[in-house]
N, C-alpha and C. Protein backbone atom coordinates (compact mmCIF):
# COMPACT_ATOMS: atom_id res chain seq x y z
N MET A 1 0.82 -1.22 0.00
CA MET A 1 0.00 0.00 0.00
C MET A 1 0.85 1.26 0.00
N SER A 2 1.89 1.28 0.87
CA SER A 2 2.75 2.45 0.94
C SER A 2 3.47 2.67 -0.37
N HIS A 3 3.83 1.58 -1.05
CA HIS A 3 4.50 1.70 -2.34
C HIS A 3 3.57 2.35 -3.36
N THR A 4 2.30 1.94 -3.35
CA THR A 4 1.31 2.52 -4.26
C THR A 4 1.11 3.99 -3.97
N LEU A 5 1.01 4.34 -2.67
CA LEU A 5 0.86 5.75 -2.29
C LEU A 5 2.07 6.57 -2.73
N GLY A 6 3.25 5.96 -2.61
CA GLY A 6 4.46 6.65 -3.04
C GLY A 6 4.46 6.94 -4.52
N ILE A 7 4.00 5.98 -5.31
CA ILE A 7 3.91 6.17 -6.77
C ILE A 7 2.91 7.27 -7.10
N ARG A 8 1.76 7.23 -6.41
CA ARG A 8 0.74 8.25 -6.66
C ARG A 8 1.24 9.64 -6.29
N GLN A 9 1.95 9.73 -5.17
CA GLN A 9 2.48 11.02 -4.74
C GLN A 9 3.52 11.54 -5.73
N ALA A 10 4.35 10.64 -6.23
CA ALA A 10 5.36 11.03 -7.21
C ALA A 10 4.70 11.52 -8.50
N GLN A 11 3.65 10.82 -8.92
CA GLN A 11 2.93 11.22 -10.13
C GLN A 11 2.24 12.57 -9.94
N LYS A 12 1.68 12.77 -8.75
CA LYS A 12 1.03 14.04 -8.46
C LYS A 12 2.04 15.19 -8.49
N GLN A 13 3.22 14.96 -7.90
CA GLN A 13 4.26 15.98 -7.91
C GLN A 13 4.75 16.25 -9.32
N LYS A 14 4.84 15.20 -10.12
CA LYS A 14 5.27 15.35 -11.52
C LYS A 14 4.28 16.20 -12.30
N THR A 15 2.98 15.95 -12.09
CA THR A 15 1.96 16.73 -12.79
C THR A 15 1.97 18.18 -12.32
N ARG A 16 2.14 18.37 -11.02
CA ARG A 16 2.21 19.74 -10.48
C ARG A 16 3.37 20.50 -11.10
N GLN A 17 4.52 19.83 -11.20
CA GLN A 17 5.69 20.48 -11.79
C GLN A 17 5.45 20.78 -13.27
N ALA A 18 4.71 19.90 -13.94
CA ALA A 18 4.39 20.13 -15.35
C ALA A 18 3.55 21.41 -15.50
N PHE A 19 2.63 21.65 -14.57
CA PHE A 19 1.84 22.89 -14.59
C PHE A 19 2.76 24.10 -14.41
N LEU A 20 3.67 24.02 -13.46
CA LEU A 20 4.59 25.13 -13.21
C LEU A 20 5.47 25.41 -14.43
N ASP A 21 6.00 24.35 -15.02
CA ASP A 21 6.88 24.51 -16.18
C ASP A 21 6.11 25.09 -17.38
N ALA A 22 4.89 24.59 -17.59
CA ALA A 22 4.08 25.09 -18.71
C ALA A 22 3.73 26.55 -18.51
N ALA A 23 3.34 26.90 -17.29
CA ALA A 23 2.98 28.30 -17.02
C ALA A 23 4.19 29.21 -17.21
N LEU A 24 5.34 28.78 -16.72
CA LEU A 24 6.55 29.60 -16.85
C LEU A 24 6.88 29.84 -18.32
N ALA A 25 6.73 28.81 -19.14
CA ALA A 25 7.00 28.96 -20.58
C ALA A 25 6.00 29.93 -21.22
N LEU A 26 4.73 29.81 -20.86
CA LEU A 26 3.71 30.70 -21.42
C LEU A 26 3.92 32.15 -20.96
N LEU A 27 4.47 32.32 -19.76
CA LEU A 27 4.67 33.66 -19.21
C LEU A 27 5.90 34.36 -19.78
N GLU A 28 6.62 33.68 -20.65
CA GLU A 28 7.73 34.34 -21.34
C GLU A 28 7.23 35.51 -22.17
N GLU A 29 5.98 35.39 -22.67
CA GLU A 29 5.45 36.38 -23.61
C GLU A 29 4.23 37.13 -23.09
N GLN A 30 3.84 36.91 -21.86
CA GLN A 30 2.65 37.57 -21.32
C GLN A 30 2.73 37.66 -19.81
N SER A 31 1.83 38.46 -19.23
CA SER A 31 1.78 38.59 -17.77
C SER A 31 0.85 37.54 -17.19
N LEU A 32 0.98 37.32 -15.90
CA LEU A 32 0.15 36.32 -15.24
C LEU A 32 -1.33 36.70 -15.29
N SER A 33 -1.62 38.00 -15.22
CA SER A 33 -3.02 38.45 -15.21
C SER A 33 -3.74 38.10 -16.51
N SER A 34 -3.00 37.89 -17.58
CA SER A 34 -3.62 37.54 -18.87
C SER A 34 -3.57 36.04 -19.17
N LEU A 35 -2.95 35.28 -18.27
CA LEU A 35 -2.80 33.84 -18.50
C LEU A 35 -4.11 33.11 -18.18
N GLY A 36 -4.56 32.31 -19.12
CA GLY A 36 -5.79 31.56 -18.92
C GLY A 36 -5.53 30.15 -18.42
N LEU A 37 -6.42 29.68 -17.56
CA LEU A 37 -6.29 28.33 -17.01
C LEU A 37 -6.26 27.29 -18.13
N ARG A 38 -7.12 27.48 -19.13
CA ARG A 38 -7.19 26.51 -20.23
C ARG A 38 -5.90 26.50 -21.05
N GLU A 39 -5.24 27.65 -21.13
CA GLU A 39 -3.94 27.69 -21.81
C GLU A 39 -2.95 26.73 -21.14
N VAL A 40 -2.94 26.81 -19.82
CA VAL A 40 -1.99 25.99 -19.05
C VAL A 40 -2.32 24.52 -19.17
N THR A 41 -3.59 24.17 -18.98
CA THR A 41 -3.96 22.75 -19.04
C THR A 41 -3.76 22.18 -20.45
N ARG A 42 -4.01 23.02 -21.47
CA ARG A 42 -3.78 22.57 -22.84
C ARG A 42 -2.29 22.27 -23.05
N ALA A 43 -1.43 23.13 -22.50
CA ALA A 43 0.01 22.93 -22.65
C ALA A 43 0.48 21.66 -21.94
N VAL A 44 -0.17 21.35 -20.81
CA VAL A 44 0.20 20.15 -20.05
C VAL A 44 -0.42 18.91 -20.68
N GLY A 45 -1.56 19.10 -21.36
CA GLY A 45 -2.23 17.97 -21.99
C GLY A 45 -3.20 17.26 -21.08
N VAL A 46 -3.84 18.03 -20.17
CA VAL A 46 -4.83 17.45 -19.25
C VAL A 46 -6.11 18.27 -19.33
N ALA A 47 -7.18 17.71 -18.75
CA ALA A 47 -8.46 18.42 -18.71
C ALA A 47 -8.38 19.57 -17.73
N PRO A 48 -9.13 20.67 -17.98
CA PRO A 48 -9.10 21.82 -17.06
C PRO A 48 -9.39 21.46 -15.61
N THR A 49 -10.26 20.47 -15.38
CA THR A 49 -10.60 20.09 -14.00
C THR A 49 -9.39 19.56 -13.24
N ALA A 50 -8.41 19.02 -13.96
CA ALA A 50 -7.22 18.48 -13.31
C ALA A 50 -6.40 19.56 -12.63
N PHE A 51 -6.52 20.77 -13.14
CA PHE A 51 -5.77 21.90 -12.57
C PHE A 51 -6.07 22.06 -11.09
N TYR A 52 -7.35 21.92 -10.72
CA TYR A 52 -7.79 22.21 -9.36
C TYR A 52 -7.37 21.15 -8.34
N ARG A 53 -6.79 20.08 -8.81
CA ARG A 53 -6.22 19.11 -7.87
C ARG A 53 -4.88 19.59 -7.33
N HIS A 54 -4.34 20.64 -7.96
CA HIS A 54 -3.01 21.12 -7.59
C HIS A 54 -3.00 22.59 -7.17
N PHE A 55 -3.86 23.41 -7.76
CA PHE A 55 -3.89 24.84 -7.47
C PHE A 55 -5.33 25.33 -7.38
N ARG A 56 -5.55 26.32 -6.52
CA ARG A 56 -6.90 26.89 -6.39
C ARG A 56 -7.23 27.82 -7.54
N SER A 57 -6.21 28.45 -8.12
CA SER A 57 -6.41 29.45 -9.16
C SER A 57 -5.09 29.71 -9.86
N THR A 58 -5.11 30.52 -10.92
CA THR A 58 -3.85 30.89 -11.56
C THR A 58 -3.00 31.76 -10.63
N ALA A 59 -3.67 32.53 -9.75
CA ALA A 59 -2.93 33.32 -8.77
C ALA A 59 -2.16 32.39 -7.82
N ASP A 60 -2.81 31.31 -7.40
CA ASP A 60 -2.17 30.32 -6.53
C ASP A 60 -0.98 29.68 -7.25
N LEU A 61 -1.14 29.40 -8.52
CA LEU A 61 -0.04 28.88 -9.33
C LEU A 61 1.10 29.90 -9.38
N GLY A 62 0.74 31.17 -9.53
CA GLY A 62 1.76 32.22 -9.57
C GLY A 62 2.55 32.31 -8.28
N VAL A 63 1.86 32.15 -7.15
CA VAL A 63 2.56 32.17 -5.86
C VAL A 63 3.53 30.99 -5.78
N ALA A 64 3.12 29.84 -6.30
CA ALA A 64 4.02 28.68 -6.32
C ALA A 64 5.25 28.95 -7.19
N LEU A 65 5.04 29.68 -8.29
CA LEU A 65 6.17 30.06 -9.14
C LEU A 65 7.12 31.02 -8.42
N VAL A 66 6.58 31.90 -7.61
CA VAL A 66 7.42 32.81 -6.82
C VAL A 66 8.30 31.98 -5.87
N ASP A 67 7.69 31.02 -5.20
CA ASP A 67 8.45 30.16 -4.29
C ASP A 67 9.55 29.41 -5.04
N GLU A 68 9.22 28.93 -6.23
CA GLU A 68 10.20 28.19 -7.03
C GLU A 68 11.33 29.12 -7.50
N ALA A 69 10.97 30.35 -7.89
CA ALA A 69 11.96 31.27 -8.44
C ALA A 69 12.86 31.87 -7.36
N LEU A 70 12.31 32.15 -6.19
CA LEU A 70 13.06 32.88 -5.17
C LEU A 70 13.42 32.04 -3.95
N GLY A 71 12.66 30.99 -3.70
CA GLY A 71 12.85 30.23 -2.47
C GLY A 71 14.23 29.63 -2.31
N SER A 72 14.85 29.25 -3.41
CA SER A 72 16.17 28.60 -3.33
C SER A 72 17.33 29.59 -3.36
N LEU A 73 17.02 30.88 -3.47
CA LEU A 73 18.08 31.88 -3.64
C LEU A 73 18.65 32.44 -2.35
N HIS A 74 18.07 32.09 -1.22
CA HIS A 74 18.51 32.71 0.03
C HIS A 74 19.99 32.48 0.33
N PRO A 75 20.52 31.27 0.14
CA PRO A 75 21.97 31.11 0.37
C PRO A 75 22.81 31.99 -0.57
N MET A 76 22.39 32.11 -1.84
CA MET A 76 23.15 32.91 -2.79
C MET A 76 23.13 34.38 -2.39
N VAL A 77 21.97 34.89 -1.98
CA VAL A 77 21.88 36.30 -1.61
C VAL A 77 22.75 36.59 -0.40
N ARG A 78 22.74 35.69 0.57
CA ARG A 78 23.61 35.90 1.74
C ARG A 78 25.07 35.90 1.33
N THR A 79 25.42 35.04 0.37
CA THR A 79 26.81 34.96 -0.08
C THR A 79 27.26 36.25 -0.73
N THR A 80 26.35 36.94 -1.43
CA THR A 80 26.74 38.16 -2.14
C THR A 80 27.18 39.26 -1.20
N VAL A 81 26.73 39.24 0.05
CA VAL A 81 27.13 40.28 1.00
C VAL A 81 27.94 39.70 2.15
N SER A 82 28.43 38.50 1.97
CA SER A 82 29.26 37.88 3.00
C SER A 82 30.42 38.80 3.36
N THR A 83 30.83 38.75 4.62
CA THR A 83 31.93 39.62 5.07
C THR A 83 33.30 39.13 4.61
N ALA A 84 33.34 37.97 3.92
CA ALA A 84 34.62 37.45 3.43
C ALA A 84 35.15 38.33 2.30
N GLY A 85 36.44 38.69 2.39
CA GLY A 85 37.07 39.49 1.34
C GLY A 85 36.86 40.98 1.55
N ASP A 86 37.60 41.78 0.77
CA ASP A 86 37.42 43.23 0.88
C ASP A 86 36.23 43.67 0.02
N SER A 87 35.98 44.97 0.01
CA SER A 87 34.80 45.52 -0.66
C SER A 87 34.76 45.17 -2.15
N GLU A 88 35.90 45.30 -2.83
CA GLU A 88 35.94 45.01 -4.26
C GLU A 88 35.69 43.53 -4.55
N GLU A 89 36.24 42.68 -3.69
CA GLU A 89 36.03 41.23 -3.87
C GLU A 89 34.56 40.88 -3.68
N ARG A 90 33.92 41.51 -2.72
CA ARG A 90 32.49 41.25 -2.48
C ARG A 90 31.66 41.68 -3.68
N ILE A 91 31.99 42.85 -4.21
CA ILE A 91 31.23 43.36 -5.35
C ILE A 91 31.40 42.44 -6.56
N THR A 92 32.64 42.06 -6.84
CA THR A 92 32.90 41.16 -7.97
C THR A 92 32.17 39.84 -7.79
N ARG A 93 32.23 39.30 -6.57
CA ARG A 93 31.55 38.03 -6.29
C ARG A 93 30.04 38.17 -6.50
N ALA A 94 29.47 39.25 -6.01
CA ALA A 94 28.02 39.46 -6.13
C ALA A 94 27.58 39.53 -7.58
N ILE A 95 28.30 40.28 -8.38
CA ILE A 95 27.91 40.45 -9.79
C ILE A 95 28.08 39.16 -10.56
N GLU A 96 29.13 38.42 -10.27
CA GLU A 96 29.33 37.12 -10.94
C GLU A 96 28.21 36.14 -10.59
N LEU A 97 27.82 36.11 -9.32
CA LEU A 97 26.75 35.22 -8.89
C LEU A 97 25.42 35.58 -9.55
N ILE A 98 25.14 36.87 -9.63
CA ILE A 98 23.88 37.32 -10.24
C ILE A 98 23.87 36.98 -11.73
N ALA A 99 24.97 37.27 -12.42
CA ALA A 99 25.06 36.98 -13.86
C ALA A 99 24.88 35.49 -14.12
N HIS A 100 25.50 34.67 -13.30
CA HIS A 100 25.39 33.21 -13.47
C HIS A 100 23.95 32.76 -13.26
N HIS A 101 23.30 33.32 -12.25
CA HIS A 101 21.91 32.93 -11.99
C HIS A 101 21.00 33.32 -13.15
N VAL A 102 21.19 34.50 -13.70
CA VAL A 102 20.37 34.93 -14.84
C VAL A 102 20.59 34.01 -16.03
N ASP A 103 21.82 33.65 -16.28
CA ASP A 103 22.12 32.72 -17.39
C ASP A 103 21.43 31.37 -17.19
N ALA A 104 21.40 30.91 -15.94
CA ALA A 104 20.86 29.59 -15.65
C ALA A 104 19.33 29.57 -15.56
N HIS A 105 18.73 30.70 -15.14
CA HIS A 105 17.28 30.72 -14.88
C HIS A 105 16.62 31.99 -15.45
N PRO A 106 16.77 32.26 -16.74
CA PRO A 106 16.23 33.51 -17.29
C PRO A 106 14.71 33.63 -17.17
N ALA A 107 13.99 32.52 -17.34
CA ALA A 107 12.52 32.59 -17.28
C ALA A 107 12.04 32.97 -15.88
N HIS A 108 12.69 32.44 -14.86
CA HIS A 108 12.33 32.80 -13.49
C HIS A 108 12.62 34.27 -13.22
N VAL A 109 13.77 34.75 -13.67
CA VAL A 109 14.13 36.15 -13.45
C VAL A 109 13.14 37.06 -14.17
N ARG A 110 12.78 36.72 -15.39
CA ARG A 110 11.82 37.51 -16.16
C ARG A 110 10.45 37.54 -15.47
N PHE A 111 10.03 36.39 -14.96
CA PHE A 111 8.74 36.30 -14.26
C PHE A 111 8.72 37.24 -13.05
N ILE A 112 9.76 37.20 -12.23
CA ILE A 112 9.80 38.04 -11.03
C ILE A 112 9.86 39.52 -11.41
N ALA A 113 10.67 39.86 -12.41
CA ALA A 113 10.79 41.25 -12.84
C ALA A 113 9.45 41.80 -13.32
N ARG A 114 8.69 40.97 -14.03
CA ARG A 114 7.40 41.41 -14.58
C ARG A 114 6.31 41.46 -13.51
N GLU A 115 6.28 40.45 -12.65
CA GLU A 115 5.17 40.32 -11.71
C GLU A 115 5.38 41.06 -10.39
N ARG A 116 6.58 41.57 -10.17
CA ARG A 116 6.83 42.32 -8.92
C ARG A 116 5.87 43.48 -8.79
N HIS A 117 5.54 44.10 -9.90
CA HIS A 117 4.58 45.21 -9.91
C HIS A 117 3.40 44.88 -10.81
N GLY A 118 3.12 43.60 -10.96
CA GLY A 118 2.05 43.16 -11.86
C GLY A 118 0.66 43.29 -11.24
N GLY A 119 -0.31 42.76 -11.96
CA GLY A 119 -1.70 42.97 -11.59
C GLY A 119 -2.31 41.90 -10.72
N VAL A 120 -1.51 40.93 -10.25
CA VAL A 120 -2.05 39.84 -9.43
C VAL A 120 -1.56 40.05 -7.99
N GLN A 121 -2.45 40.52 -7.13
CA GLN A 121 -2.05 40.92 -5.79
C GLN A 121 -1.39 39.82 -4.97
N PRO A 122 -1.94 38.60 -4.91
CA PRO A 122 -1.26 37.56 -4.11
C PRO A 122 0.17 37.29 -4.56
N VAL A 123 0.41 37.43 -5.86
CA VAL A 123 1.76 37.20 -6.38
C VAL A 123 2.67 38.37 -5.99
N ARG A 124 2.17 39.59 -6.13
CA ARG A 124 2.95 40.76 -5.67
C ARG A 124 3.32 40.62 -4.20
N GLU A 125 2.35 40.21 -3.40
CA GLU A 125 2.59 40.06 -1.96
C GLU A 125 3.58 38.95 -1.67
N ALA A 126 3.51 37.86 -2.43
CA ALA A 126 4.46 36.76 -2.24
C ALA A 126 5.88 37.21 -2.58
N ILE A 127 6.03 37.99 -3.65
CA ILE A 127 7.35 38.50 -4.02
C ILE A 127 7.87 39.44 -2.94
N GLN A 128 7.01 40.36 -2.49
CA GLN A 128 7.44 41.29 -1.45
C GLN A 128 7.83 40.56 -0.17
N SER A 129 7.10 39.50 0.16
CA SER A 129 7.43 38.72 1.35
C SER A 129 8.81 38.07 1.22
N GLN A 130 9.09 37.52 0.05
CA GLN A 130 10.40 36.91 -0.18
C GLN A 130 11.51 37.96 -0.13
N LEU A 131 11.27 39.13 -0.72
CA LEU A 131 12.28 40.19 -0.73
C LEU A 131 12.52 40.71 0.68
N ALA A 132 11.45 40.81 1.48
CA ALA A 132 11.61 41.23 2.87
C ALA A 132 12.45 40.23 3.65
N ARG A 133 12.24 38.95 3.35
CA ARG A 133 13.05 37.91 4.00
C ARG A 133 14.50 38.01 3.57
N PHE A 134 14.73 38.27 2.27
CA PHE A 134 16.10 38.49 1.79
C PHE A 134 16.75 39.63 2.57
N ALA A 135 16.02 40.73 2.71
CA ALA A 135 16.57 41.91 3.39
C ALA A 135 16.94 41.58 4.83
N GLU A 136 16.11 40.82 5.53
CA GLU A 136 16.42 40.44 6.91
C GLU A 136 17.68 39.57 6.96
N GLU A 137 17.82 38.67 5.98
CA GLU A 137 19.00 37.80 5.95
C GLU A 137 20.26 38.59 5.62
N VAL A 138 20.13 39.54 4.68
CA VAL A 138 21.27 40.40 4.35
C VAL A 138 21.63 41.27 5.54
N LYS A 139 20.62 41.77 6.23
CA LYS A 139 20.86 42.57 7.44
C LYS A 139 21.68 41.79 8.45
N ALA A 140 21.35 40.51 8.65
CA ALA A 140 22.09 39.67 9.60
C ALA A 140 23.55 39.54 9.19
N GLU A 141 23.81 39.42 7.87
CA GLU A 141 25.19 39.34 7.39
C GLU A 141 25.91 40.67 7.58
N LEU A 142 25.24 41.78 7.23
CA LEU A 142 25.87 43.09 7.35
C LEU A 142 26.20 43.42 8.80
N ALA A 143 25.37 42.95 9.72
CA ALA A 143 25.59 43.25 11.14
C ALA A 143 26.87 42.61 11.67
N LYS A 144 27.38 41.59 10.97
CA LYS A 144 28.62 40.93 11.38
C LYS A 144 29.84 41.76 11.04
N ASP A 145 29.68 42.70 10.11
CA ASP A 145 30.80 43.49 9.63
C ASP A 145 31.15 44.58 10.65
N PRO A 146 32.46 44.77 10.96
CA PRO A 146 32.85 45.84 11.88
C PRO A 146 32.34 47.22 11.44
N GLN A 147 32.11 47.41 10.13
CA GLN A 147 31.60 48.69 9.66
C GLN A 147 30.21 49.00 10.20
N ALA A 148 29.51 47.97 10.65
CA ALA A 148 28.14 48.17 11.16
C ALA A 148 28.12 48.63 12.61
N GLU A 149 29.28 48.71 13.24
CA GLU A 149 29.32 49.13 14.64
C GLU A 149 28.76 50.55 14.79
N GLY A 150 27.84 50.72 15.68
CA GLY A 150 27.23 52.03 15.91
C GLY A 150 25.99 52.29 15.08
N TRP A 151 25.69 51.40 14.12
CA TRP A 151 24.50 51.57 13.29
C TRP A 151 23.26 51.12 14.06
N SER A 152 22.14 51.79 13.81
CA SER A 152 20.87 51.34 14.36
C SER A 152 20.35 50.17 13.53
N ASP A 153 19.47 49.37 14.12
CA ASP A 153 18.87 48.25 13.38
C ASP A 153 18.14 48.75 12.14
N ASP A 154 17.44 49.86 12.27
CA ASP A 154 16.69 50.40 11.13
C ASP A 154 17.62 50.78 9.99
N ASP A 155 18.77 51.36 10.32
CA ASP A 155 19.70 51.77 9.27
C ASP A 155 20.36 50.56 8.60
N VAL A 156 20.67 49.53 9.38
CA VAL A 156 21.24 48.32 8.77
C VAL A 156 20.21 47.68 7.85
N LEU A 157 18.95 47.67 8.28
CA LEU A 157 17.90 47.10 7.43
C LEU A 157 17.71 47.94 6.17
N MET A 158 17.80 49.26 6.29
CA MET A 158 17.71 50.13 5.12
C MET A 158 18.82 49.80 4.12
N LEU A 159 20.03 49.61 4.62
CA LEU A 159 21.16 49.25 3.76
C LEU A 159 20.92 47.89 3.11
N ALA A 160 20.37 46.96 3.88
CA ALA A 160 20.08 45.63 3.33
C ALA A 160 19.10 45.72 2.18
N HIS A 161 18.06 46.54 2.33
CA HIS A 161 17.09 46.71 1.25
C HIS A 161 17.75 47.33 0.02
N LEU A 162 18.70 48.24 0.23
CA LEU A 162 19.42 48.83 -0.91
C LEU A 162 20.17 47.75 -1.68
N TYR A 163 20.82 46.86 -0.97
CA TYR A 163 21.56 45.78 -1.63
C TYR A 163 20.61 44.84 -2.37
N VAL A 164 19.50 44.48 -1.75
CA VAL A 164 18.55 43.58 -2.40
C VAL A 164 17.98 44.22 -3.66
N ASP A 165 17.60 45.51 -3.56
CA ASP A 165 17.07 46.21 -4.73
C ASP A 165 18.12 46.27 -5.84
N GLN A 166 19.37 46.50 -5.47
CA GLN A 166 20.43 46.58 -6.47
C GLN A 166 20.65 45.23 -7.14
N MET A 167 20.52 44.15 -6.39
CA MET A 167 20.64 42.81 -6.99
C MET A 167 19.55 42.58 -8.03
N LEU A 168 18.33 43.02 -7.72
CA LEU A 168 17.23 42.87 -8.67
C LEU A 168 17.46 43.71 -9.92
N ILE A 169 17.93 44.93 -9.73
CA ILE A 169 18.21 45.81 -10.88
C ILE A 169 19.29 45.18 -11.76
N THR A 170 20.34 44.68 -11.12
CA THR A 170 21.44 44.06 -11.87
C THR A 170 20.97 42.83 -12.63
N ALA A 171 20.13 42.01 -11.99
CA ALA A 171 19.60 40.82 -12.66
C ALA A 171 18.78 41.21 -13.88
N SER A 172 17.95 42.25 -13.74
CA SER A 172 17.12 42.70 -14.87
C SER A 172 17.99 43.20 -16.02
N LEU A 173 19.07 43.90 -15.69
CA LEU A 173 19.96 44.42 -16.74
C LEU A 173 20.68 43.27 -17.46
N PHE A 174 21.12 42.28 -16.70
CA PHE A 174 21.76 41.12 -17.34
C PHE A 174 20.75 40.37 -18.20
N LEU A 175 19.51 40.32 -17.77
CA LEU A 175 18.47 39.63 -18.53
C LEU A 175 18.32 40.24 -19.92
N GLU A 176 18.43 41.56 -20.00
CA GLU A 176 18.28 42.25 -21.28
C GLU A 176 19.43 41.98 -22.23
N THR A 177 20.54 41.46 -21.72
CA THR A 177 21.72 41.23 -22.58
C THR A 177 21.92 39.76 -22.93
N LEU A 178 20.94 38.90 -22.60
CA LEU A 178 21.12 37.47 -22.86
C LEU A 178 21.40 37.17 -24.33
N GLU A 179 20.76 37.92 -25.20
CA GLU A 179 20.98 37.71 -26.63
C GLU A 179 21.97 38.72 -27.19
N GLY A 180 22.59 39.48 -26.30
CA GLY A 180 23.49 40.53 -26.76
C GLY A 180 24.94 40.08 -26.85
N SER A 181 25.79 41.04 -27.07
CA SER A 181 27.21 40.76 -27.25
C SER A 181 27.92 40.71 -25.90
N THR A 182 29.15 40.23 -25.94
CA THR A 182 29.99 40.22 -24.73
C THR A 182 30.22 41.64 -24.24
N ASP A 183 30.36 42.59 -25.17
CA ASP A 183 30.57 43.98 -24.79
C ASP A 183 29.38 44.53 -24.01
N GLU A 184 28.15 44.14 -24.42
CA GLU A 184 26.97 44.62 -23.71
C GLU A 184 26.94 44.08 -22.29
N ARG A 185 27.26 42.82 -22.14
CA ARG A 185 27.29 42.22 -20.80
C ARG A 185 28.38 42.86 -19.94
N GLU A 186 29.49 43.18 -20.56
CA GLU A 186 30.58 43.82 -19.82
C GLU A 186 30.16 45.21 -19.35
N ARG A 187 29.41 45.93 -20.21
CA ARG A 187 28.92 47.26 -19.82
C ARG A 187 27.98 47.16 -18.63
N VAL A 188 27.12 46.14 -18.63
CA VAL A 188 26.21 45.94 -17.49
C VAL A 188 27.03 45.64 -16.23
N ALA A 189 28.03 44.79 -16.35
CA ALA A 189 28.86 44.45 -15.19
C ALA A 189 29.58 45.68 -14.66
N GLN A 190 30.07 46.52 -15.56
CA GLN A 190 30.77 47.73 -15.13
C GLN A 190 29.82 48.70 -14.44
N LEU A 191 28.62 48.86 -15.01
CA LEU A 191 27.63 49.76 -14.39
C LEU A 191 27.23 49.23 -13.01
N ALA A 192 26.98 47.95 -12.92
CA ALA A 192 26.60 47.35 -11.63
C ALA A 192 27.72 47.51 -10.61
N THR A 193 28.96 47.37 -11.05
CA THR A 193 30.11 47.55 -10.16
C THR A 193 30.14 48.97 -9.61
N ARG A 194 29.94 49.95 -10.47
CA ARG A 194 29.96 51.35 -10.03
C ARG A 194 28.81 51.63 -9.05
N GLN A 195 27.64 51.07 -9.33
CA GLN A 195 26.50 51.29 -8.45
C GLN A 195 26.73 50.67 -7.08
N MET A 196 27.30 49.47 -7.07
CA MET A 196 27.60 48.82 -5.79
C MET A 196 28.69 49.58 -5.03
N ARG A 197 29.66 50.11 -5.76
CA ARG A 197 30.70 50.91 -5.11
C ARG A 197 30.10 52.15 -4.45
N LEU A 198 29.14 52.76 -5.11
CA LEU A 198 28.49 53.95 -4.57
C LEU A 198 27.79 53.62 -3.25
N ILE A 199 27.11 52.48 -3.21
CA ILE A 199 26.48 52.05 -1.96
C ILE A 199 27.54 51.82 -0.89
N SER A 200 28.66 51.20 -1.28
CA SER A 200 29.73 50.91 -0.32
C SER A 200 30.35 52.18 0.24
N ILE A 201 30.53 53.19 -0.63
CA ILE A 201 31.10 54.46 -0.17
C ILE A 201 30.15 55.13 0.83
N GLY A 202 28.86 55.14 0.48
CA GLY A 202 27.90 55.72 1.41
C GLY A 202 27.86 54.97 2.73
N ARG A 203 28.02 53.67 2.65
CA ARG A 203 28.02 52.83 3.86
C ARG A 203 29.20 53.21 4.78
N ARG A 204 30.38 53.40 4.18
CA ARG A 204 31.56 53.72 4.99
C ARG A 204 31.43 55.06 5.70
N HIS A 205 30.70 56.00 5.10
CA HIS A 205 30.64 57.36 5.63
C HIS A 205 29.30 57.69 6.27
N TRP A 206 28.44 56.71 6.45
CA TRP A 206 27.10 56.96 6.97
C TRP A 206 27.11 57.63 8.35
N LEU A 207 28.06 57.25 9.21
CA LEU A 207 28.08 57.77 10.57
C LEU A 207 28.95 59.02 10.71
N ASP A 208 29.51 59.51 9.60
CA ASP A 208 30.37 60.70 9.67
C ASP A 208 29.58 61.92 10.14
């Protein structure tokens, strides 16, 4: 019996993932608010009623996509602001990690960039919740740095949000160069480096 249940659970998870993959592919060219349930089920090759065994609505599916796109990134985000190395090494490491992630997961990055301010409220809220969690985790890393001595919790959190926002901006810029030249990607890397340096300079002199 347990073996049969295990097979059924595996099949259910496989079908759920098929819905997520199909939706992500369809969202390459449209927003979630315009995505139809029948579009997704047609792409998966199942009846529309099968959708409701896995998701309550397309908004619920979108929230699951947010978890898939951002849920696994917490270790990477913490690494980008790790106290290891000097300021330039941290910046270089952060930009390399972001560029690599965009190359590996462009559809997820595009989905988050589009839906962060999109028309589906539960998805917007799910993204904001994940970003708030990122900021808290970055804050914890920044607080380990001797430069944070004397800073208030609110100011460290403000700095953390600046870093998280900059990571998103950098990811979006790299996304636009996926089909571009090496020179275009290098220009994005240089711009991102300068922007991160500006944050670092402000950070060093905040208590002056």
